[in-house]
Amino acid sequence: MKEKCLNLAKYLKHDNLLDLDDLDLFSELNILKEIIGLENDKPIDILNYIKRINSFPNTYIAYRIMLTISVSVALAERSFSKLKLIKSYLRSTMSQQRLNILALLSIEKYFFK
């Protein structure tokens, strides 16, 4: 796990600026694992717990990044193809706000069932 923390910190480094500290992240994850059993909790529950107690800043950043990045490229490709279909169908007769809402409804239709 320590190697993964080092890789994440290295990947998030921009020039000489660090988004998180690798050794602190490793320590925070070990402490958090002892406090709450990480095996049974969902990542979003862990993130909410960290936010609620207002602690573990490096772990909070890592969990936010993990939950933000899509698992596969298919979701992003599907979003663009849906947007292309919606935009070509209705052309320029709609506002940007309406286009955004229609795209969201079309892309996330499985969540709205």
PDB file of N, CA and C in Angstrom:
ATOM      1  N   MET A   1       0.825  -1.191   0.000  1.00  0.00           N
ATOM      2  CA  MET A   1       0.000   0.000   0.000  1.00  0.00           C
ATOM      3  C   MET A   1       0.872   1.259   0.000  1.00  0.00           C
ATOM      4  N   LYS A   2       2.027   1.166   0.646  1.00  0.00           N
ATOM      5  CA  LYS A   2       2.915   2.314   0.687  1.00  0.00           C
ATOM      6  C   LYS A   2       3.383   2.696  -0.715  1.00  0.00           C
ATOM      7  N   GLU A   3       3.648   1.692  -1.540  1.00  0.00           N
ATOM      8  CA  GLU A   3       4.077   1.948  -2.917  1.00  0.00           C
ATOM      9  C   GLU A   3       2.973   2.644  -3.719  1.00  0.00           C
ATOM     10  N   LYS A   4       1.737   2.237  -3.491  1.00  0.00           N
ATOM     11  CA  LYS A   4       0.603   2.864  -4.179  1.00  0.00           C
ATOM     12  C   LYS A   4       0.445   4.328  -3.762  1.00  0.00           C
ATOM     13  N   CYS A   5       0.662   4.615  -2.492  1.00  0.00           N
ATOM     14  CA  CYS A   5       0.601   5.998  -2.004  1.00  0.00           C
ATOM     15  C   CYS A   5       1.704   6.845  -2.639  1.00  0.00           C
ATOM     16  N   LEU A   6       2.894   6.262  -2.754  1.00  0.00           N
ATOM     17  CA  LEU A   6       4.003   6.976  -3.395  1.00  0.00           C
ATOM     18  C   LEU A   6       3.692   7.262  -4.858  1.00  0.00           C
ATOM     19  N   ASN A   7       3.133   6.275  -5.561  1.00  0.00           N
ATOM     20  CA  ASN A   7       2.787   6.461  -6.972  1.00  0.00           C
ATOM     21  C   ASN A   7       1.707   7.519  -7.155  1.00  0.00           C
ATOM     22  N   LEU A   8       0.709   7.518  -6.285  1.00  0.00           N
ATOM     23  CA  LEU A   8      -0.360   8.509  -6.379  1.00  0.00           C
ATOM     24  C   LEU A   8       0.181   9.904  -6.149  1.00  0.00           C
ATOM     25  N   ALA A   9       1.010  10.072  -5.149  1.00  0.00           N
ATOM     26  CA  ALA A   9       1.590  11.393  -4.861  1.00  0.00           C
ATOM     27  C   ALA A   9       2.463  11.860  -6.022  1.00  0.00           C
ATOM     28  N   LYS A  10       3.215  10.943  -6.602  1.00  0.00           N
ATOM     29  CA  LYS A  10       4.056  11.289  -7.736  1.00  0.00           C
ATOM     30  C   LYS A  10       3.203  11.674  -8.949  1.00  0.00           C
ATOM     31  N   TYR A  11       2.109  10.970  -9.143  1.00  0.00           N
ATOM     32  CA  TYR A  11       1.230  11.247 -10.276  1.00  0.00           C
ATOM     33  C   TYR A  11       0.522  12.593 -10.123  1.00  0.00           C
ATOM     34  N   LEU A  12       0.195  12.969  -8.899  1.00  0.00           N
ATOM     35  CA  LEU A  12      -0.511  14.227  -8.649  1.00  0.00           C
ATOM     36  C   LEU A  12       0.422  15.424  -8.461  1.00  0.00           C
ATOM     37  N   LYS A  13       1.708  15.206  -8.613  1.00  0.00           N
ATOM     38  CA  LYS A  13       2.688  16.278  -8.440  1.00  0.00           C
ATOM     39  C   LYS A  13       2.712  17.147  -9.697  1.00  0.00           C
ATOM     40  N   HIS A  14       2.686  18.454  -9.495  1.00  0.00           N
ATOM     41  CA  HIS A  14       2.774  19.405 -10.593  1.00  0.00           C
ATOM     42  C   HIS A  14       3.891  20.384 -10.275  1.00  0.00           C
ATOM     43  N   ASP A  15       4.927  20.391 -11.097  1.00  0.00           N
ATOM     44  CA  ASP A  15       6.148  21.143 -10.827  1.00  0.00           C
ATOM     45  C   ASP A  15       6.668  20.716  -9.464  1.00  0.00           C
ATOM     46  N   ASN A  16       6.749  21.631  -8.519  1.00  0.00           N
ATOM     47  CA  ASN A  16       7.182  21.275  -7.168  1.00  0.00           C
ATOM     48  C   ASN A  16       6.032  21.288  -6.179  1.00  0.00           C
ATOM     49  N   LEU A  17       4.810  21.390  -6.672  1.00  0.00           N
ATOM     50  CA  LEU A  17       3.640  21.441  -5.811  1.00  0.00           C
ATOM     51  C   LEU A  17       3.021  20.051  -5.674  1.00  0.00           C
ATOM     52  N   LEU A  18       2.698  19.693  -4.448  1.00  0.00           N
ATOM     53  CA  LEU A  18       2.095  18.397  -4.170  1.00  0.00           C
ATOM     54  C   LEU A  18       0.648  18.584  -3.742  1.00  0.00           C
ATOM     55  N   ASP A  19      -0.240  17.739  -4.285  1.00  0.00           N
ATOM     56  CA  ASP A  19      -1.636  17.770  -3.849  1.00  0.00           C
ATOM     57  C   ASP A  19      -1.810  17.024  -2.537  1.00  0.00           C
ATOM     58  N   LEU A  20      -0.981  16.000  -2.333  1.00  0.00           N
ATOM     59  CA  LEU A  20      -1.030  15.267  -1.071  1.00  0.00           C
ATOM     60  C   LEU A  20       0.343  14.719  -0.740  1.00  0.00           C
ATOM     61  N   ASP A  21       0.543  14.417   0.505  1.00  0.00           N
ATOM     62  CA  ASP A  21       1.817  13.876   0.973  1.00  0.00           C
ATOM     63  C   ASP A  21       1.701  12.364   1.047  1.00  0.00           C
ATOM     64  N   ASP A  22       2.620  11.665   0.398  1.00  0.00           N
ATOM     65  CA  ASP A  22       2.529  10.210   0.294  1.00  0.00           C
ATOM     66  C   ASP A  22       2.655   9.495   1.633  1.00  0.00           C
ATOM     67  N   LEU A  23       3.582   9.900   2.462  1.00  0.00           N
ATOM     68  CA  LEU A  23       3.766   9.224   3.756  1.00  0.00           C
ATOM     69  C   LEU A  23       2.617   9.535   4.715  1.00  0.00           C
ATOM     70  N   ASP A  24       2.120  10.765   4.660  1.00  0.00           N
ATOM     71  CA  ASP A  24       0.953  11.107   5.479  1.00  0.00           C
ATOM     72  C   ASP A  24      -0.271  10.320   5.036  1.00  0.00           C
ATOM     73  N   LEU A  25      -0.440  10.173   3.720  1.00  0.00           N
ATOM     74  CA  LEU A  25      -1.562   9.392   3.197  1.00  0.00           C
ATOM     75  C   LEU A  25      -1.480   7.948   3.679  1.00  0.00           C
ATOM     76  N   PHE A  26      -0.295   7.372   3.615  1.00  0.00           N
ATOM     77  CA  PHE A  26      -0.103   6.002   4.078  1.00  0.00           C
ATOM     78  C   PHE A  26      -0.458   5.870   5.558  1.00  0.00           C
ATOM     79  N   SER A  27       0.000   6.816   6.373  1.00  0.00           N
ATOM     80  CA  SER A  27      -0.299   6.790   7.811  1.00  0.00           C
ATOM     81  C   SER A  27      -1.793   6.977   8.073  1.00  0.00           C
ATOM     82  N   GLU A  28      -2.403   7.925   7.355  1.00  0.00           N
ATOM     83  CA  GLU A  28      -3.831   8.180   7.532  1.00  0.00           C
ATOM     84  C   GLU A  28      -4.662   6.957   7.162  1.00  0.00           C
ATOM     85  N   LEU A  29      -4.302   6.292   6.068  1.00  0.00           N
ATOM     86  CA  LEU A  29      -5.054   5.100   5.655  1.00  0.00           C
ATOM     87  C   LEU A  29      -4.945   3.982   6.679  1.00  0.00           C
ATOM     88  N   ASN A  30      -3.770   3.810   7.254  1.00  0.00           N
ATOM     89  CA  ASN A  30      -3.598   2.777   8.288  1.00  0.00           C
ATOM     90  C   ASN A  30      -4.423   3.098   9.533  1.00  0.00           C
ATOM     91  N   ILE A  31      -4.423   4.347   9.941  1.00  0.00           N
ATOM     92  CA  ILE A  31      -5.209   4.744  11.109  1.00  0.00           C
ATOM     93  C   ILE A  31      -6.698   4.602  10.826  1.00  0.00           C
ATOM     94  N   LEU A  32      -7.107   5.037   9.641  1.00  0.00           N
ATOM     95  CA  LEU A  32      -8.515   4.949   9.261  1.00  0.00           C
ATOM     96  C   LEU A  32      -8.982   3.499   9.197  1.00  0.00           C
ATOM     97  N   LYS A  33      -8.100   2.631   8.734  1.00  0.00           N
ATOM     98  CA  LYS A  33      -8.433   1.203   8.668  1.00  0.00           C
ATOM     99  C   LYS A  33      -8.685   0.634  10.055  1.00  0.00           C
ATOM    100  N   GLU A  34      -7.947   1.122  11.033  1.00  0.00           N
ATOM    101  CA  GLU A  34      -8.137   0.662  12.406  1.00  0.00           C
ATOM    102  C   GLU A  34      -9.421   1.231  13.017  1.00  0.00           C
ATOM    103  N   ILE A  35      -9.749   2.470  12.654  1.00  0.00           N
ATOM    104  CA  ILE A  35     -10.927   3.119  13.226  1.00  0.00           C
ATOM    105  C   ILE A  35     -12.211   2.514  12.679  1.00  0.00           C
ATOM    106  N   ILE A  36     -12.293   2.430  11.367  1.00  0.00           N
ATOM    107  CA  ILE A  36     -13.493   1.867  10.733  1.00  0.00           C
ATOM    108  C   ILE A  36     -13.066   0.697   9.865  1.00  0.00           C
ATOM    109  N   GLY A  37     -13.735  -0.400   9.941  1.00  0.00           N
ATOM    110  CA  GLY A  37     -13.401  -1.552   9.110  1.00  0.00           C
ATOM    111  C   GLY A  37     -13.650  -1.237   7.651  1.00  0.00           C
ATOM    112  N   LEU A  38     -12.604  -1.018   6.880  1.00  0.00           N
ATOM    113  CA  LEU A  38     -12.747  -0.594   5.493  1.00  0.00           C
ATOM    114  C   LEU A  38     -13.250  -1.707   4.582  1.00  0.00           C
ATOM    115  N   GLU A  39     -13.238  -2.929   5.034  1.00  0.00           N
ATOM    116  CA  GLU A  39     -13.627  -4.032   4.168  1.00  0.00           C
ATOM    117  C   GLU A  39     -15.110  -3.993   3.816  1.00  0.00           C
ATOM    118  N   ASN A  40     -15.955  -3.535   4.715  1.00  0.00           N
ATOM    119  CA  ASN A  40     -17.393  -3.598   4.523  1.00  0.00           C
ATOM    120  C   ASN A  40     -18.018  -2.287   4.060  1.00  0.00           C
ATOM    121  N   ASP A  41     -17.278  -1.211   4.074  1.00  0.00           N
ATOM    122  CA  ASP A  41     -17.839   0.091   3.737  1.00  0.00           C
ATOM    123  C   ASP A  41     -17.617   0.422   2.269  1.00  0.00           C
ATOM    124  N   LYS A  42     -18.568   1.154   1.720  1.00  0.00           N
ATOM    125  CA  LYS A  42     -18.437   1.642   0.358  1.00  0.00           C
ATOM    126  C   LYS A  42     -17.542   2.875   0.384  1.00  0.00           C
ATOM    127  N   PRO A  43     -16.834   3.154  -0.717  1.00  0.00           N
ATOM    128  CA  PRO A  43     -15.957   4.337  -0.747  1.00  0.00           C
ATOM    129  C   PRO A  43     -16.698   5.640  -0.456  1.00  0.00           C
ATOM    130  N   ILE A  44     -17.934   5.779  -0.925  1.00  0.00           N
ATOM    131  CA  ILE A  44     -18.684   7.013  -0.679  1.00  0.00           C
ATOM    132  C   ILE A  44     -19.017   7.159   0.808  1.00  0.00           C
ATOM    133  N   ASP A  45     -19.267   6.034   1.500  1.00  0.00           N
ATOM    134  CA  ASP A  45     -19.525   6.088   2.941  1.00  0.00           C
ATOM    135  C   ASP A  45     -18.277   6.508   3.702  1.00  0.00           C
ATOM    136  N   ILE A  46     -17.135   6.010   3.259  1.00  0.00           N
ATOM    137  CA  ILE A  46     -15.871   6.377   3.904  1.00  0.00           C
ATOM    138  C   ILE A  46     -15.586   7.858   3.688  1.00  0.00           C
ATOM    139  N   LEU A  47     -15.820   8.334   2.466  1.00  0.00           N
ATOM    140  CA  LEU A  47     -15.613   9.753   2.176  1.00  0.00           C
ATOM    141  C   LEU A  47     -16.515  10.624   3.039  1.00  0.00           C
ATOM    142  N   ASN A  48     -17.769  10.245   3.171  1.00  0.00           N
ATOM    143  CA  ASN A  48     -18.690  11.009   4.025  1.00  0.00           C
ATOM    144  C   ASN A  48     -18.258  10.988   5.478  1.00  0.00           C
ATOM    145  N   TYR A  49     -17.742   9.859   5.945  1.00  0.00           N
ATOM    146  CA  TYR A  49     -17.253   9.755   7.316  1.00  0.00           C
ATOM    147  C   TYR A  49     -16.064  10.696   7.532  1.00  0.00           C
ATOM    148  N   ILE A  50     -15.131  10.686   6.585  1.00  0.00           N
ATOM    149  CA  ILE A  50     -13.951  11.551   6.697  1.00  0.00           C
ATOM    150  C   ILE A  50     -14.365  13.018   6.692  1.00  0.00           C
ATOM    151  N   LYS A  51     -15.325  13.346   5.851  1.00  0.00           N
ATOM    152  CA  LYS A  51     -15.810  14.724   5.778  1.00  0.00           C
ATOM    153  C   LYS A  51     -16.494  15.129   7.075  1.00  0.00           C
ATOM    154  N   ARG A  52     -17.268  14.201   7.655  1.00  0.00           N
ATOM    155  CA  ARG A  52     -17.997  14.489   8.886  1.00  0.00           C
ATOM    156  C   ARG A  52     -17.064  14.753  10.058  1.00  0.00           C
ATOM    157  N   ILE A  53     -15.989  13.967  10.178  1.00  0.00           N
ATOM    158  CA  ILE A  53     -15.088  14.159  11.314  1.00  0.00           C
ATOM    159  C   ILE A  53     -14.033  15.229  11.042  1.00  0.00           C
ATOM    160  N   ASN A  54     -13.991  15.716   9.792  1.00  0.00           N
ATOM    161  CA  ASN A  54     -13.085  16.799   9.416  1.00  0.00           C
ATOM    162  C   ASN A  54     -11.640  16.479   9.782  1.00  0.00           C
ATOM    163  N   SER A  55     -11.196  15.310   9.350  1.00  0.00           N
ATOM    164  CA  SER A  55      -9.837  14.871   9.610  1.00  0.00           C
ATOM    165  C   SER A  55      -9.317  14.124   8.390  1.00  0.00           C
ATOM    166  N   PHE A  56      -8.110  13.647   8.429  1.00  0.00           N
ATOM    167  CA  PHE A  56      -7.488  12.878   7.353  1.00  0.00           C
ATOM    168  C   PHE A  56      -7.516  13.630   6.023  1.00  0.00           C
ATOM    169  N   PRO A  57      -6.855  14.778   5.917  1.00  0.00           N
ATOM    170  CA  PRO A  57      -6.940  15.596   4.697  1.00  0.00           C
ATOM    171  C   PRO A  57      -6.403  14.899   3.438  1.00  0.00           C
ATOM    172  N   ASN A  58      -5.316  14.151   3.561  1.00  0.00           N
ATOM    173  CA  ASN A  58      -4.758  13.463   2.394  1.00  0.00           C
ATOM    174  C   ASN A  58      -5.670  12.338   1.925  1.00  0.00           C
ATOM    175  N   THR A  59      -6.245  11.616   2.856  1.00  0.00           N
ATOM    176  CA  THR A  59      -7.173  10.539   2.517  1.00  0.00           C
ATOM    177  C   THR A  59      -8.426  11.108   1.881  1.00  0.00           C
ATOM    178  N   TYR A  60      -8.880  12.251   2.367  1.00  0.00           N
ATOM    179  CA  TYR A  60     -10.059  12.903   1.797  1.00  0.00           C
ATOM    180  C   TYR A  60      -9.822  13.250   0.321  1.00  0.00           C
ATOM    181  N   ILE A  61      -8.652  13.790   0.025  1.00  0.00           N
ATOM    182  CA  ILE A  61      -8.306  14.133  -1.361  1.00  0.00           C
ATOM    183  C   ILE A  61      -8.250  12.875  -2.222  1.00  0.00           C
ATOM    184  N   ALA A  62      -7.606  11.827  -1.709  1.00  0.00           N
ATOM    185  CA  ALA A  62      -7.468  10.583  -2.480  1.00  0.00           C
ATOM    186  C   ALA A  62      -8.829   9.951  -2.766  1.00  0.00           C
ATOM    187  N   TYR A  63      -9.712   9.932  -1.784  1.00  0.00           N
ATOM    188  CA  TYR A  63     -11.047   9.358  -1.997  1.00  0.00           C
ATOM    189  C   TYR A  63     -11.872  10.205  -2.962  1.00  0.00           C
ATOM    190  N   ARG A  64     -11.751  11.513  -2.887  1.00  0.00           N
ATOM    191  CA  ARG A  64     -12.478  12.378  -3.833  1.00  0.00           C
ATOM    192  C   ARG A  64     -12.007  12.126  -5.253  1.00  0.00           C
ATOM    193  N   ILE A  65     -10.714  11.982  -5.440  1.00  0.00           N
ATOM    194  CA  ILE A  65     -10.178  11.697  -6.772  1.00  0.00           C
ATOM    195  C   ILE A  65     -10.656  10.336  -7.250  1.00  0.00           C
ATOM    196  N   MET A  66     -10.613   9.345  -6.380  1.00  0.00           N
ATOM    197  CA  MET A  66     -11.024   7.996  -6.751  1.00  0.00           C
ATOM    198  C   MET A  66     -12.493   7.966  -7.167  1.00  0.00           C
ATOM    199  N   LEU A  67     -13.341   8.695  -6.468  1.00  0.00           N
ATOM    200  CA  LEU A  67     -14.765   8.681  -6.778  1.00  0.00           C
ATOM    201  C   LEU A  67     -15.114   9.586  -7.951  1.00  0.00           C
ATOM    202  N   THR A  68     -14.207  10.449  -8.354  1.00  0.00           N
ATOM    203  CA  THR A  68     -14.469  11.359  -9.461  1.00  0.00           C
ATOM    204  C   THR A  68     -14.066  10.762 -10.803  1.00  0.00           C
ATOM    205  N   ILE A  69     -12.971  10.044 -10.821  1.00  0.00           N
ATOM    206  CA  ILE A  69     -12.463   9.475 -12.066  1.00  0.00           C
ATOM    207  C   ILE A  69     -13.332   8.292 -12.466  1.00  0.00           C
ATOM    208  N   SER A  70     -13.771   8.283 -13.719  1.00  0.00           N
ATOM    209  CA  SER A  70     -14.591   7.169 -14.186  1.00  0.00           C
ATOM    210  C   SER A  70     -13.736   5.910 -14.324  1.00  0.00           C
ATOM    211  N   VAL A  71     -14.358   4.783 -14.107  1.00  0.00           N
ATOM    212  CA  VAL A  71     -13.646   3.513 -14.121  1.00  0.00           C
ATOM    213  C   VAL A  71     -13.208   3.147 -15.530  1.00  0.00           C
ATOM    214  N   SER A  72     -14.035   3.448 -16.497  1.00  0.00           N
ATOM    215  CA  SER A  72     -13.684   3.132 -17.879  1.00  0.00           C
ATOM    216  C   SER A  72     -13.901   4.337 -18.763  1.00  0.00           C
ATOM    217  N   VAL A  73     -13.395   4.242 -19.957  1.00  0.00           N
ATOM    218  CA  VAL A  73     -13.538   5.313 -20.923  1.00  0.00           C
ATOM    219  C   VAL A  73     -14.905   5.243 -21.590  1.00  0.00           C
ATOM    220  N   ALA A  74     -15.573   4.120 -21.470  1.00  0.00           N
ATOM    221  CA  ALA A  74     -16.858   3.922 -22.141  1.00  0.00           C
ATOM    222  C   ALA A  74     -17.896   4.942 -21.701  1.00  0.00           C
ATOM    223  N   LEU A  75     -17.895   5.286 -20.426  1.00  0.00           N
ATOM    224  CA  LEU A  75     -18.862   6.265 -19.931  1.00  0.00           C
ATOM    225  C   LEU A  75     -18.658   7.621 -20.597  1.00  0.00           C
ATOM    226  N   ALA A  76     -17.423   8.053 -20.706  1.00  0.00           N
ATOM    227  CA  ALA A  76     -17.140   9.338 -21.347  1.00  0.00           C
ATOM    228  C   ALA A  76     -17.497   9.295 -22.830  1.00  0.00           C
ATOM    229  N   GLU A  77     -17.173   8.191 -23.501  1.00  0.00           N
ATOM    230  CA  GLU A  77     -17.501   8.065 -24.926  1.00  0.00           C
ATOM    231  C   GLU A  77     -19.011   8.040 -25.136  1.00  0.00           C
ATOM    232  N   ARG A  78     -19.719   7.363 -24.256  1.00  0.00           N
ATOM    233  CA  ARG A  78     -21.166   7.311 -24.355  1.00  0.00           C
ATOM    234  C   ARG A  78     -21.767   8.698 -24.166  1.00  0.00           C
ATOM    235  N   SER A  79     -21.192   9.473 -23.270  1.00  0.00           N
ATOM    236  CA  SER A  79     -21.677  10.830 -23.037  1.00  0.00           C
ATOM    237  C   SER A  79     -21.542  11.684 -24.285  1.00  0.00           C
ATOM    238  N   PHE A  80     -20.391  11.604 -24.945  1.00  0.00           N
ATOM    239  CA  PHE A  80     -20.191  12.408 -26.138  1.00  0.00           C
ATOM    240  C   PHE A  80     -21.075  11.952 -27.291  1.00  0.00           C
ATOM    241  N   SER A  81     -21.267  10.640 -27.429  1.00  0.00           N
ATOM    242  CA  SER A  81     -22.118  10.172 -28.524  1.00  0.00           C
ATOM    243  C   SER A  81     -23.573  10.568 -28.291  1.00  0.00           C
ATOM    244  N   LYS A  82     -24.039  10.507 -27.041  1.00  0.00           N
ATOM    245  CA  LYS A  82     -25.404  10.950 -26.732  1.00  0.00           C
ATOM    246  C   LYS A  82     -25.561  12.438 -27.004  1.00  0.00           C
ATOM    247  N   LEU A  83     -24.564  13.207 -26.614  1.00  0.00           N
ATOM    248  CA  LEU A  83     -24.614  14.647 -26.834  1.00  0.00           C
ATOM    249  C   LEU A  83     -24.671  14.951 -28.325  1.00  0.00           C
ATOM    250  N   LYS A  84     -23.919  14.203 -29.111  1.00  0.00           N
ATOM    251  CA  LYS A  84     -23.925  14.398 -30.562  1.00  0.00           C
ATOM    252  C   LYS A  84     -25.305  14.097 -31.138  1.00  0.00           C
ATOM    253  N   LEU A  85     -25.946  13.023 -30.661  1.00  0.00           N
ATOM    254  CA  LEU A  85     -27.281  12.680 -31.147  1.00  0.00           C
ATOM    255  C   LEU A  85     -28.309  13.742 -30.769  1.00  0.00           C
ATOM    256  N   ILE A  86     -28.261  14.198 -29.539  1.00  0.00           N
ATOM    257  CA  ILE A  86     -29.217  15.200 -29.076  1.00  0.00           C
ATOM    258  C   ILE A  86     -29.023  16.511 -29.833  1.00  0.00           C
ATOM    259  N   LYS A  87     -27.802  16.928 -29.968  1.00  0.00           N
ATOM    260  CA  LYS A  87     -27.523  18.208 -30.610  1.00  0.00           C
ATOM    261  C   LYS A  87     -27.871  18.169 -32.097  1.00  0.00           C
ATOM    262  N   SER A  88     -27.594  17.061 -32.783  1.00  0.00           N
ATOM    263  CA  SER A  88     -27.902  17.013 -34.207  1.00  0.00           C
ATOM    264  C   SER A  88     -29.407  16.910 -34.435  1.00  0.00           C
ATOM    265  N   TYR A  89     -30.111  16.273 -33.520  1.00  0.00           N
ATOM    266  CA  TYR A  89     -31.558  16.115 -33.661  1.00  0.00           C
ATOM    267  C   TYR A  89     -32.267  17.454 -33.510  1.00  0.00           C
ATOM    268  N   LEU A  90     -31.902  18.200 -32.517  1.00  0.00           N
ATOM    269  CA  LEU A  90     -32.596  19.456 -32.237  1.00  0.00           C
ATOM    270  C   LEU A  90     -31.857  20.680 -32.782  1.00  0.00           C
ATOM    271  N   ARG A  91     -30.673  20.449 -33.315  1.00  0.00           N
ATOM    272  CA  ARG A  91     -29.841  21.509 -33.874  1.00  0.00           C
ATOM    273  C   ARG A  91     -29.659  22.665 -32.902  1.00  0.00           C
ATOM    274  N   SER A  92     -29.764  23.843 -33.402  1.00  0.00           N
ATOM    275  CA  SER A  92     -29.472  24.998 -32.542  1.00  0.00           C
ATOM    276  C   SER A  92     -30.740  25.671 -32.031  1.00  0.00           C
ATOM    277  N   THR A  93     -31.814  24.913 -31.903  1.00  0.00           N
ATOM    278  CA  THR A  93     -33.077  25.506 -31.448  1.00  0.00           C
ATOM    279  C   THR A  93     -33.216  25.516 -29.937  1.00  0.00           C
ATOM    280  N   MET A  94     -32.196  25.108 -29.237  1.00  0.00           N
ATOM    281  CA  MET A  94     -32.311  25.059 -27.780  1.00  0.00           C
ATOM    282  C   MET A  94     -31.185  25.828 -27.112  1.00  0.00           C
ATOM    283  N   SER A  95     -31.418  26.186 -25.878  1.00  0.00           N
ATOM    284  CA  SER A  95     -30.389  26.886 -25.112  1.00  0.00           C
ATOM    285  C   SER A  95     -29.382  25.886 -24.559  1.00  0.00           C
ATOM    286  N   GLN A  96     -28.285  26.411 -24.080  1.00  0.00           N
ATOM    287  CA  GLN A  96     -27.241  25.556 -23.510  1.00  0.00           C
ATOM    288  C   GLN A  96     -27.749  24.829 -22.270  1.00  0.00           C
ATOM    289  N   GLN A  97     -28.559  25.493 -21.469  1.00  0.00           N
ATOM    290  CA  GLN A  97     -29.098  24.880 -20.251  1.00  0.00           C
ATOM    291  C   GLN A  97     -29.979  23.681 -20.596  1.00  0.00           C
ATOM    292  N   ARG A  98     -30.849  23.847 -21.583  1.00  0.00           N
ATOM    293  CA  ARG A  98     -31.728  22.750 -21.986  1.00  0.00           C
ATOM    294  C   ARG A  98     -30.917  21.587 -22.557  1.00  0.00           C
ATOM    295  N   LEU A  99     -29.896  21.894 -23.349  1.00  0.00           N
ATOM    296  CA  LEU A  99     -29.028  20.857 -23.900  1.00  0.00           C
ATOM    297  C   LEU A  99     -28.343  20.071 -22.778  1.00  0.00           C
ATOM    298  N   ASN A 100     -27.860  20.775 -21.766  1.00  0.00           N
ATOM    299  CA  ASN A 100     -27.199  20.113 -20.638  1.00  0.00           C
ATOM    300  C   ASN A 100     -28.160  19.179 -19.902  1.00  0.00           C
ATOM    301  N   ILE A 101     -29.384  19.650 -19.680  1.00  0.00           N
ATOM    302  CA  ILE A 101     -30.365  18.839 -18.958  1.00  0.00           C
ATOM    303  C   ILE A 101     -30.763  17.613 -19.765  1.00  0.00           C
ATOM    304  N   LEU A 102     -30.998  17.787 -21.066  1.00  0.00           N
ATOM    305  CA  LEU A 102     -31.355  16.645 -21.912  1.00  0.00           C
ATOM    306  C   LEU A 102     -30.216  15.635 -22.004  1.00  0.00           C
ATOM    307  N   ALA A 103     -28.993  16.131 -22.097  1.00  0.00           N
ATOM    308  CA  ALA A 103     -27.841  15.231 -22.147  1.00  0.00           C
ATOM    309  C   ALA A 103     -27.727  14.446 -20.852  1.00  0.00           C
ATOM    310  N   LEU A 104     -27.888  15.111 -19.718  1.00  0.00           N
ATOM    311  CA  LEU A 104     -27.808  14.436 -18.425  1.00  0.00           C
ATOM    312  C   LEU A 104     -28.891  13.374 -18.292  1.00  0.00           C
ATOM    313  N   LEU A 105     -30.112  13.702 -18.693  1.00  0.00           N
ATOM    314  CA  LEU A 105     -31.202  12.732 -18.624  1.00  0.00           C
ATOM    315  C   LEU A 105     -30.944  11.535 -19.529  1.00  0.00           C
ATOM    316  N   SER A 106     -30.405  11.787 -20.697  1.00  0.00           N
ATOM    317  CA  SER A 106     -30.150  10.708 -21.643  1.00  0.00           C
ATOM    318  C   SER A 106     -29.004   9.813 -21.173  1.00  0.00           C
ATOM    319  N   ILE A 107     -27.945  10.410 -20.667  1.00  0.00           N
ATOM    320  CA  ILE A 107     -26.768   9.651 -20.248  1.00  0.00           C
ATOM    321  C   ILE A 107     -27.051   8.854 -18.979  1.00  0.00           C
ATOM    322  N   GLU A 108     -27.745   9.455 -18.039  1.00  0.00           N
ATOM    323  CA  GLU A 108     -27.994   8.830 -16.737  1.00  0.00           C
ATOM    324  C   GLU A 108     -29.390   8.242 -16.633  1.00  0.00           C
ATOM    325  N   LYS A 109     -29.974   7.814 -17.729  1.00  0.00           N
ATOM    326  CA  LYS A 109     -31.369   7.339 -17.704  1.00  0.00           C
ATOM    327  C   LYS A 109     -31.559   6.119 -16.821  1.00  0.00           C
ATOM    328  N   TYR A 110     -30.515   5.347 -16.610  1.00  0.00           N
ATOM    329  CA  TYR A 110     -30.654   4.144 -15.769  1.00  0.00           C
ATOM    330  C   TYR A 110     -30.817   4.518 -14.293  1.00  0.00           C
ATOM    331  N   PHE A 111     -30.334   5.698 -13.897  1.00  0.00           N
ATOM    332  CA  PHE A 111     -30.479   6.122 -12.515  1.00  0.00           C
ATOM    333  C   PHE A 111     -31.863   6.684 -12.221  1.00  0.00           C
ATOM    334  N   PHE A 112     -32.572   7.104 -13.272  1.00  0.00           N
ATOM    335  CA  PHE A 112     -33.864   7.745 -13.087  1.00  0.00           C
ATOM    336  C   PHE A 112     -35.025   6.772 -13.218  1.00  0.00           C
ATOM    337  N   LYS A 113     -34.747   5.494 -13.359  1.00  0.00           N
ATOM    338  CA  LYS A 113     -35.831   4.506 -13.484  1.00  0.00           C
ATOM    339  C   LYS A 113     -36.442   4.220 -12.142  1.00  0.00           C
TER     340      LYS A 113
END
